[in-house]
PDB file of N, CA and C in Angstrom:
ATOM      1  N   MET A   1      -1.010 -26.377  23.122  1.00  0.00           N
ATOM      2  CA  MET A   1      -0.828 -25.368  22.134  1.00  0.00           C
ATOM      3  C   MET A   1       0.225 -25.046  22.400  1.00  0.00           C
ATOM      4  N   PRO A   2       1.552 -24.792  21.681  1.00  0.00           N
ATOM      5  CA  PRO A   2       2.824 -24.598  22.450  1.00  0.00           C
ATOM      6  C   PRO A   2       2.610 -22.464  22.505  1.00  0.00           C
ATOM      7  N   GLU A   3       2.843 -21.854  23.433  1.00  0.00           N
ATOM      8  CA  GLU A   3       2.896 -20.449  24.145  1.00  0.00           C
ATOM      9  C   GLU A   3       4.029 -19.723  23.449  1.00  0.00           C
ATOM     10  N   ILE A   4       4.471 -19.165  22.639  1.00  0.00           N
ATOM     11  CA  ILE A   4       5.137 -18.164  21.786  1.00  0.00           C
ATOM     12  C   ILE A   4       5.535 -17.210  22.401  1.00  0.00           C
ATOM     13  N   SER A   5       4.752 -16.446  22.923  1.00  0.00           N
ATOM     14  CA  SER A   5       4.710 -15.495  23.675  1.00  0.00           C
ATOM     15  C   SER A   5       3.684 -14.395  24.220  1.00  0.00           C
ATOM     16  N   ARG A   6       3.910 -13.962  25.132  1.00  0.00           N
ATOM     17  CA  ARG A   6       2.967 -13.328  26.174  1.00  0.00           C
ATOM     18  C   ARG A   6       3.066 -11.763  26.438  1.00  0.00           C
ATOM     19  N   PHE A   7       1.827 -10.256  25.944  1.00  0.00           N
ATOM     20  CA  PHE A   7       2.199  -9.276  26.054  1.00  0.00           C
ATOM     21  C   PHE A   7       1.118  -8.552  25.928  1.00  0.00           C
ATOM     22  N   PHE A   8       0.662  -7.720  26.829  1.00  0.00           N
ATOM     23  CA  PHE A   8      -0.351  -6.790  27.119  1.00  0.00           C
ATOM     24  C   PHE A   8      -1.430  -7.612  27.945  1.00  0.00           C
ATOM     25  N   GLY A   9      -1.400  -8.964  28.421  1.00  0.00           N
ATOM     26  CA  GLY A   9      -3.048  -9.579  28.709  1.00  0.00           C
ATOM     27  C   GLY A   9      -3.057 -10.717  27.208  1.00  0.00           C
ATOM     28  N   ILE A  10      -2.090 -10.572  26.581  1.00  0.00           N
ATOM     29  CA  ILE A  10      -2.292 -11.273  24.933  1.00  0.00           C
ATOM     30  C   ILE A  10      -1.384 -12.435  24.520  1.00  0.00           C
ATOM     31  N   VAL A  11      -2.000 -13.775  24.623  1.00  0.00           N
ATOM     32  CA  VAL A  11      -1.573 -14.894  24.597  1.00  0.00           C
ATOM     33  C   VAL A  11      -0.764 -15.070  22.955  1.00  0.00           C
ATOM     34  N   ILE A  12       0.397 -15.645  22.837  1.00  0.00           N
ATOM     35  CA  ILE A  12       0.190 -15.858  21.286  1.00  0.00           C
ATOM     36  C   ILE A  12       0.902 -17.344  21.078  1.00  0.00           C
ATOM     37  N   LYS A  13       0.078 -18.219  20.891  1.00  0.00           N
ATOM     38  CA  LYS A  13       0.404 -19.490  20.855  1.00  0.00           C
ATOM     39  C   LYS A  13       0.100 -20.154  19.546  1.00  0.00           C
ATOM     40  N   MET A  14       1.090 -21.134  18.960  1.00  0.00           N
ATOM     41  CA  MET A  14       0.969 -22.019  17.469  1.00  0.00           C
ATOM     42  C   MET A  14       1.171 -23.300  18.146  1.00  0.00           C
ATOM     43  N   TYR A  15       0.077 -23.341  16.518  1.00  0.00           N
ATOM     44  CA  TYR A  15      -0.668 -25.522  17.251  1.00  0.00           C
ATOM     45  C   TYR A  15       0.157 -26.144  15.658  1.00  0.00           C
ATOM     46  N   PHE A  16       0.364 -26.458  15.423  1.00  0.00           N
ATOM     47  CA  PHE A  16       1.065 -27.503  14.152  1.00  0.00           C
ATOM     48  C   PHE A  16       0.548 -28.565  13.691  1.00  0.00           C
ATOM     49  N   MET A  17       0.133 -29.224  13.302  1.00  0.00           N
ATOM     50  CA  MET A  17      -0.249 -30.737  12.337  1.00  0.00           C
ATOM     51  C   MET A  17      -0.220 -30.612  10.993  1.00  0.00           C
ATOM     52  N   GLN A  18       0.743 -31.612  10.515  1.00  0.00           N
ATOM     53  CA  GLN A  18       1.190 -31.353   9.322  1.00  0.00           C
ATOM     54  C   GLN A  18       0.045 -31.379   8.052  1.00  0.00           C
ATOM     55  N   GLY A  19      -0.064 -30.757   6.986  1.00  0.00           N
ATOM     56  CA  GLY A  19      -1.146 -31.126   6.212  1.00  0.00           C
ATOM     57  C   GLY A  19      -2.659 -30.706   6.452  1.00  0.00           C
ATOM     58  N   GLU A  20      -2.797 -30.288   7.747  1.00  0.00           N
ATOM     59  CA  GLU A  20      -4.176 -29.478   8.151  1.00  0.00           C
ATOM     60  C   GLU A  20      -4.286 -28.307   8.730  1.00  0.00           C
ATOM     61  N   HIS A  21      -3.206 -27.684   8.897  1.00  0.00           N
ATOM     62  CA  HIS A  21      -3.554 -26.271   9.617  1.00  0.00           C
ATOM     63  C   HIS A  21      -3.029 -24.709   8.644  1.00  0.00           C
ATOM     64  N   ASN A  22      -2.865 -25.474   7.522  1.00  0.00           N
ATOM     65  CA  ASN A  22      -2.261 -24.273   6.522  1.00  0.00           C
ATOM     66  C   ASN A  22      -3.867 -23.208   6.202  1.00  0.00           C
ATOM     67  N   PRO A  23      -2.982 -21.990   6.380  1.00  0.00           N
ATOM     68  CA  PRO A  23      -1.690 -20.997   5.762  1.00  0.00           C
ATOM     69  C   PRO A  23      -1.520 -21.628   7.191  1.00  0.00           C
ATOM     70  N   PRO A  24       0.011 -21.019   7.286  1.00  0.00           N
ATOM     71  CA  PRO A  24       0.716 -20.949   8.739  1.00  0.00           C
ATOM     72  C   PRO A  24       0.004 -19.568   8.954  1.00  0.00           C
ATOM     73  N   HIS A  25      -0.082 -20.000  10.096  1.00  0.00           N
ATOM     74  CA  HIS A  25      -0.827 -18.946  11.580  1.00  0.00           C
ATOM     75  C   HIS A  25      -0.226 -19.203  12.885  1.00  0.00           C
ATOM     76  N   ILE A  26      -0.978 -18.086  13.458  1.00  0.00           N
ATOM     77  CA  ILE A  26      -0.824 -18.039  14.592  1.00  0.00           C
ATOM     78  C   ILE A  26      -1.699 -17.893  15.061  1.00  0.00           C
ATOM     79  N   HIS A  27      -1.925 -18.391  16.932  1.00  0.00           N
ATOM     80  CA  HIS A  27      -3.387 -18.511  17.477  1.00  0.00           C
ATOM     81  C   HIS A  27      -3.037 -16.803  19.076  1.00  0.00           C
ATOM     82  N   ALA A  28      -3.755 -16.193  18.462  1.00  0.00           N
ATOM     83  CA  ALA A  28      -4.042 -14.829  19.654  1.00  0.00           C
ATOM     84  C   ALA A  28      -5.056 -14.733  20.760  1.00  0.00           C
ATOM     85  N   LEU A  29      -4.833 -15.150  21.383  1.00  0.00           N
ATOM     86  CA  LEU A  29      -5.907 -14.964  22.702  1.00  0.00           C
ATOM     87  C   LEU A  29      -6.021 -14.019  23.939  1.00  0.00           C
ATOM     88  N   TYR A  30      -6.963 -13.601  23.585  1.00  0.00           N
ATOM     89  CA  TYR A  30      -7.507 -12.096  24.936  1.00  0.00           C
ATOM     90  C   TYR A  30      -8.461 -12.014  25.658  1.00  0.00           C
ATOM     91  N   GLY A  31      -8.336 -12.760  27.052  1.00  0.00           N
ATOM     92  CA  GLY A  31      -9.725 -12.377  27.813  1.00  0.00           C
ATOM     93  C   GLY A  31     -10.045 -13.840  27.062  1.00  0.00           C
ATOM     94  N   GLU A  32     -11.625 -13.203  26.415  1.00  0.00           N
ATOM     95  CA  GLU A  32     -12.254 -14.638  25.717  1.00  0.00           C
ATOM     96  C   GLU A  32     -12.842 -14.334  24.541  1.00  0.00           C
ATOM     97  N   TYR A  33     -11.503 -13.736  24.172  1.00  0.00           N
ATOM     98  CA  TYR A  33     -11.575 -13.716  22.704  1.00  0.00           C
ATOM     99  C   TYR A  33     -10.152 -14.564  22.258  1.00  0.00           C
ATOM    100  N   MET A  34     -10.637 -14.749  20.658  1.00  0.00           N
ATOM    101  CA  MET A  34      -9.915 -15.900  20.102  1.00  0.00           C
ATOM    102  C   MET A  34      -9.409 -15.588  18.635  1.00  0.00           C
ATOM    103  N   SER A  35      -8.412 -15.401  17.593  1.00  0.00           N
ATOM    104  CA  SER A  35      -8.167 -15.177  16.619  1.00  0.00           C
ATOM    105  C   SER A  35      -6.489 -15.845  16.171  1.00  0.00           C
ATOM    106  N   ALA A  36      -6.743 -16.380  15.166  1.00  0.00           N
ATOM    107  CA  ALA A  36      -6.555 -17.230  14.105  1.00  0.00           C
ATOM    108  C   ALA A  36      -5.640 -16.102  12.662  1.00  0.00           C
ATOM    109  N   VAL A  37      -4.682 -16.061  12.893  1.00  0.00           N
ATOM    110  CA  VAL A  37      -3.923 -14.914  12.179  1.00  0.00           C
ATOM    111  C   VAL A  37      -3.196 -15.148  10.983  1.00  0.00           C
ATOM    112  N   ASN A  38      -3.144 -14.985   9.910  1.00  0.00           N
ATOM    113  CA  ASN A  38      -2.566 -15.321   9.126  1.00  0.00           C
ATOM    114  C   ASN A  38      -0.547 -14.948   9.415  1.00  0.00           C
ATOM    115  N   ILE A  39       0.038 -15.372   8.985  1.00  0.00           N
ATOM    116  CA  ILE A  39       1.188 -14.794   9.426  1.00  0.00           C
ATOM    117  C   ILE A  39       2.198 -14.199   8.335  1.00  0.00           C
ATOM    118  N   SER A  40       1.644 -14.795   6.966  1.00  0.00           N
ATOM    119  CA  SER A  40       2.407 -13.667   6.223  1.00  0.00           C
ATOM    120  C   SER A  40       1.553 -12.001   5.446  1.00  0.00           C
ATOM    121  N   THR A  41       0.408 -12.732   5.393  1.00  0.00           N
ATOM    122  CA  THR A  41      -0.924 -11.326   5.648  1.00  0.00           C
ATOM    123  C   THR A  41      -1.260 -10.623   6.306  1.00  0.00           C
ATOM    124  N   GLY A  42      -1.171 -10.982   7.821  1.00  0.00           N
ATOM    125  CA  GLY A  42      -2.037 -10.077   8.939  1.00  0.00           C
ATOM    126  C   GLY A  42      -3.253 -10.554   9.404  1.00  0.00           C
ATOM    127  N   GLU A  43      -4.178 -11.292   8.100  1.00  0.00           N
ATOM    128  CA  GLU A  43      -5.339 -11.800   8.191  1.00  0.00           C
ATOM    129  C   GLU A  43      -5.999 -12.505   8.815  1.00  0.00           C
ATOM    130  N   VAL A  44      -6.761 -11.720   9.513  1.00  0.00           N
ATOM    131  CA  VAL A  44      -7.712 -12.418  10.902  1.00  0.00           C
ATOM    132  C   VAL A  44      -8.337 -13.889   9.437  1.00  0.00           C
ATOM    133  N   LEU A  45      -7.861 -15.397  10.037  1.00  0.00           N
ATOM    134  CA  LEU A  45      -8.543 -16.047   9.447  1.00  0.00           C
ATOM    135  C   LEU A  45      -9.637 -17.035  10.006  1.00  0.00           C
ATOM    136  N   GLU A  46     -10.330 -16.334  11.370  1.00  0.00           N
ATOM    137  CA  GLU A  46     -10.860 -17.194  11.597  1.00  0.00           C
ATOM    138  C   GLU A  46     -11.241 -16.111  13.149  1.00  0.00           C
ATOM    139  N   GLY A  47     -12.127 -16.385  13.919  1.00  0.00           N
ATOM    140  CA  GLY A  47     -12.382 -15.789  14.876  1.00  0.00           C
ATOM    141  C   GLY A  47     -12.157 -13.970  15.507  1.00  0.00           C
ATOM    142  N   ASP A  48     -12.029 -13.293  16.520  1.00  0.00           N
ATOM    143  CA  ASP A  48     -12.424 -12.080  16.200  1.00  0.00           C
ATOM    144  C   ASP A  48     -11.581 -11.410  17.413  1.00  0.00           C
ATOM    145  N   LEU A  49     -10.886 -10.147  17.823  1.00  0.00           N
ATOM    146  CA  LEU A  49      -9.761  -9.319  18.725  1.00  0.00           C
ATOM    147  C   LEU A  49     -10.760  -8.441  18.914  1.00  0.00           C
ATOM    148  N   PRO A  50     -10.404  -7.540  20.242  1.00  0.00           N
ATOM    149  CA  PRO A  50     -11.011  -6.363  19.880  1.00  0.00           C
ATOM    150  C   PRO A  50      -9.676  -5.135  19.176  1.00  0.00           C
ATOM    151  N   GLY A  51      -9.960  -4.348  18.537  1.00  0.00           N
ATOM    152  CA  GLY A  51      -9.257  -3.635  18.123  1.00  0.00           C
ATOM    153  C   GLY A  51      -7.979  -3.276  18.122  1.00  0.00           C
ATOM    154  N   LYS A  52      -7.807  -2.863  19.193  1.00  0.00           N
ATOM    155  CA  LYS A  52      -6.013  -2.351  20.133  1.00  0.00           C
ATOM    156  C   LYS A  52      -5.816  -3.613  20.572  1.00  0.00           C
ATOM    157  N   ALA A  53      -6.261  -4.895  20.657  1.00  0.00           N
ATOM    158  CA  ALA A  53      -5.722  -6.127  20.866  1.00  0.00           C
ATOM    159  C   ALA A  53      -5.040  -6.219  19.542  1.00  0.00           C
ATOM    160  N   LEU A  54      -6.208  -6.407  18.789  1.00  0.00           N
ATOM    161  CA  LEU A  54      -5.455  -6.917  17.097  1.00  0.00           C
ATOM    162  C   LEU A  54      -4.073  -6.254  16.284  1.00  0.00           C
ATOM    163  N   ALA A  55      -4.440  -5.003  16.745  1.00  0.00           N
ATOM    164  CA  ALA A  55      -3.263  -3.895  16.305  1.00  0.00           C
ATOM    165  C   ALA A  55      -2.375  -4.067  16.791  1.00  0.00           C
ATOM    166  N   LEU A  56      -2.519  -4.875  18.071  1.00  0.00           N
ATOM    167  CA  LEU A  56      -0.704  -5.323  19.120  1.00  0.00           C
ATOM    168  C   LEU A  56      -0.338  -6.325  18.120  1.00  0.00           C
ATOM    169  N   VAL A  57      -1.592  -7.479  18.001  1.00  0.00           N
ATOM    170  CA  VAL A  57      -1.031  -8.137  17.511  1.00  0.00           C
ATOM    171  C   VAL A  57      -0.063  -8.178  16.290  1.00  0.00           C
ATOM    172  N   LEU A  58      -0.831  -7.385  15.513  1.00  0.00           N
ATOM    173  CA  LEU A  58      -0.319  -7.370  13.847  1.00  0.00           C
ATOM    174  C   LEU A  58       0.919  -6.904  14.040  1.00  0.00           C
ATOM    175  N   GLU A  59       0.774  -5.793  14.901  1.00  0.00           N
ATOM    176  CA  GLU A  59       2.443  -5.268  14.908  1.00  0.00           C
ATOM    177  C   GLU A  59       3.786  -6.204  15.580  1.00  0.00           C
ATOM    178  N   TRP A  60       3.381  -7.100  16.797  1.00  0.00           N
ATOM    179  CA  TRP A  60       4.219  -8.082  17.060  1.00  0.00           C
ATOM    180  C   TRP A  60       4.784  -8.944  15.761  1.00  0.00           C
ATOM    181  N   LEU A  61       3.466  -9.183  14.961  1.00  0.00           N
ATOM    182  CA  LEU A  61       3.837 -10.202  14.236  1.00  0.00           C
ATOM    183  C   LEU A  61       4.674  -9.494  13.408  1.00  0.00           C
ATOM    184  N   ASP A  62       4.348  -8.699  12.406  1.00  0.00           N
ATOM    185  CA  ASP A  62       5.004  -7.524  11.520  1.00  0.00           C
ATOM    186  C   ASP A  62       6.707  -7.396  12.509  1.00  0.00           C
ATOM    187  N   LEU A  63       7.014  -7.561  13.309  1.00  0.00           N
ATOM    188  CA  LEU A  63       8.570  -7.504  13.644  1.00  0.00           C
ATOM    189  C   LEU A  63       8.614  -8.934  13.593  1.00  0.00           C
ATOM    190  N   HIS A  64       8.389 -10.257  13.857  1.00  0.00           N
ATOM    191  CA  HIS A  64       8.737 -11.558  13.870  1.00  0.00           C
ATOM    192  C   HIS A  64       8.443 -12.823  13.572  1.00  0.00           C
ATOM    193  N   LYS A  65       7.705 -11.998  11.890  1.00  0.00           N
ATOM    194  CA  LYS A  65       7.496 -12.488  10.784  1.00  0.00           C
ATOM    195  C   LYS A  65       8.592 -14.169  10.335  1.00  0.00           C
ATOM    196  N   LYS A  66       9.678 -13.366  10.647  1.00  0.00           N
ATOM    197  CA  LYS A  66      11.137 -14.853   9.842  1.00  0.00           C
ATOM    198  C   LYS A  66      11.111 -15.649  10.786  1.00  0.00           C
ATOM    199  N   GLU A  67      10.669 -14.838  12.081  1.00  0.00           N
ATOM    200  CA  GLU A  67      10.991 -15.817  12.635  1.00  0.00           C
ATOM    201  C   GLU A  67       9.284 -16.747  13.489  1.00  0.00           C
ATOM    202  N   LEU A  68       9.113 -16.556  13.210  1.00  0.00           N
ATOM    203  CA  LEU A  68       7.016 -17.354  13.174  1.00  0.00           C
ATOM    204  C   LEU A  68       7.571 -18.169  12.302  1.00  0.00           C
ATOM    205  N   MET A  69       7.602 -17.381  10.932  1.00  0.00           N
ATOM    206  CA  MET A  69       8.319 -19.212   9.491  1.00  0.00           C
ATOM    207  C   MET A  69       8.926 -19.982   9.790  1.00  0.00           C
ATOM    208  N   THR A  70       9.736 -19.913  10.509  1.00  0.00           N
ATOM    209  CA  THR A  70      10.886 -20.173  10.854  1.00  0.00           C
ATOM    210  C   THR A  70       9.990 -21.475  12.183  1.00  0.00           C
ATOM    211  N   ILE A  71       9.619 -21.061  12.405  1.00  0.00           N
ATOM    212  CA  ILE A  71       9.331 -22.302  13.983  1.00  0.00           C
ATOM    213  C   ILE A  71       7.976 -23.218  13.030  1.00  0.00           C
ATOM    214  N   TRP A  72       6.741 -22.183  12.368  1.00  0.00           N
ATOM    215  CA  TRP A  72       6.183 -22.871  11.614  1.00  0.00           C
ATOM    216  C   TRP A  72       6.696 -24.677  10.384  1.00  0.00           C
ATOM    217  N   GLN A  73       7.656 -23.790  10.090  1.00  0.00           N
ATOM    218  CA  GLN A  73       8.277 -24.553   8.807  1.00  0.00           C
ATOM    219  C   GLN A  73       8.856 -26.249   9.557  1.00  0.00           C
ATOM    220  N   THR A  74       9.805 -25.301  10.944  1.00  0.00           N
ATOM    221  CA  THR A  74      10.642 -26.591  11.080  1.00  0.00           C
ATOM    222  C   THR A  74       9.928 -27.301  13.054  1.00  0.00           C
ATOM    223  N   GLN A  75       9.340 -26.642  12.931  1.00  0.00           N
ATOM    224  CA  GLN A  75       8.203 -27.108  14.581  1.00  0.00           C
ATOM    225  C   GLN A  75       9.163 -27.280  14.903  1.00  0.00           C
ATOM    226  N   GLU A  76      10.337 -26.177  15.485  1.00  0.00           N
ATOM    227  CA  GLU A  76      11.109 -26.422  16.816  1.00  0.00           C
ATOM    228  C   GLU A  76      10.038 -24.983  17.148  1.00  0.00           C
ATOM    229  N   PHE A  77       9.417 -25.412  18.421  1.00  0.00           N
ATOM    230  CA  PHE A  77       9.136 -23.943  18.902  1.00  0.00           C
ATOM    231  C   PHE A  77       9.564 -23.632  19.541  1.00  0.00           C
ATOM    232  N   ARG A  78       9.880 -22.419  20.001  1.00  0.00           N
ATOM    233  CA  ARG A  78      10.521 -21.234  21.167  1.00  0.00           C
ATOM    234  C   ARG A  78      10.111 -20.104  21.418  1.00  0.00           C
ATOM    235  N   LYS A  79       9.952 -19.864  22.691  1.00  0.00           N
ATOM    236  CA  LYS A  79       9.466 -17.997  22.912  1.00  0.00           C
ATOM    237  C   LYS A  79      10.343 -17.480  21.950  1.00  0.00           C
ATOM    238  N   ILE A  80       9.212 -16.310  21.829  1.00  0.00           N
ATOM    239  CA  ILE A  80       9.886 -14.667  21.279  1.00  0.00           C
ATOM    240  C   ILE A  80       9.834 -13.586  21.928  1.00  0.00           C
ATOM    241  N   PRO A  81      10.361 -12.686  22.287  1.00  0.00           N
ATOM    242  CA  PRO A  81      10.179 -11.325  22.772  1.00  0.00           C
ATOM    243  C   PRO A  81       8.969 -10.728  22.623  1.00  0.00           C
ATOM    244  N   PRO A  82       8.269 -10.380  23.612  1.00  0.00           N
ATOM    245  CA  PRO A  82       6.869  -9.781  23.513  1.00  0.00           C
ATOM    246  C   PRO A  82       7.311  -8.006  23.233  1.00  0.00           C
ATOM    247  N   LEU A  83       5.706  -7.919  22.927  1.00  0.00           N
ATOM    248  CA  LEU A  83       5.568  -6.505  22.297  1.00  0.00           C
ATOM    249  C   LEU A  83       6.209  -5.585  23.393  1.00  0.00           C
ATOM    250  N   GLU A  84       7.329  -4.230  23.441  1.00  0.00           N
ATOM    251  CA  GLU A  84       7.009  -3.690  24.514  1.00  0.00           C
ATOM    252  C   GLU A  84       6.710  -2.426  24.286  1.00  0.00           C
TER     253      GLU A  84
END
């Protein structure tokens, strides 16, 4: 699963298998926690994260929705700047 970004101990990855992994989402890993988060809505699709980590992921997601959707649609993975 390609790593898209990393900040405050949170790793953001995206995995794409055509027809099998919709809706468009990211995977956020934080220690032993993992969550899949819908790119468009910010809804947690599976897993869980501590509240503060989830808030940081959602803040970062809001800043980079357009870029993330482009990566999802083209499957051209690249790094996105971390939350600072």
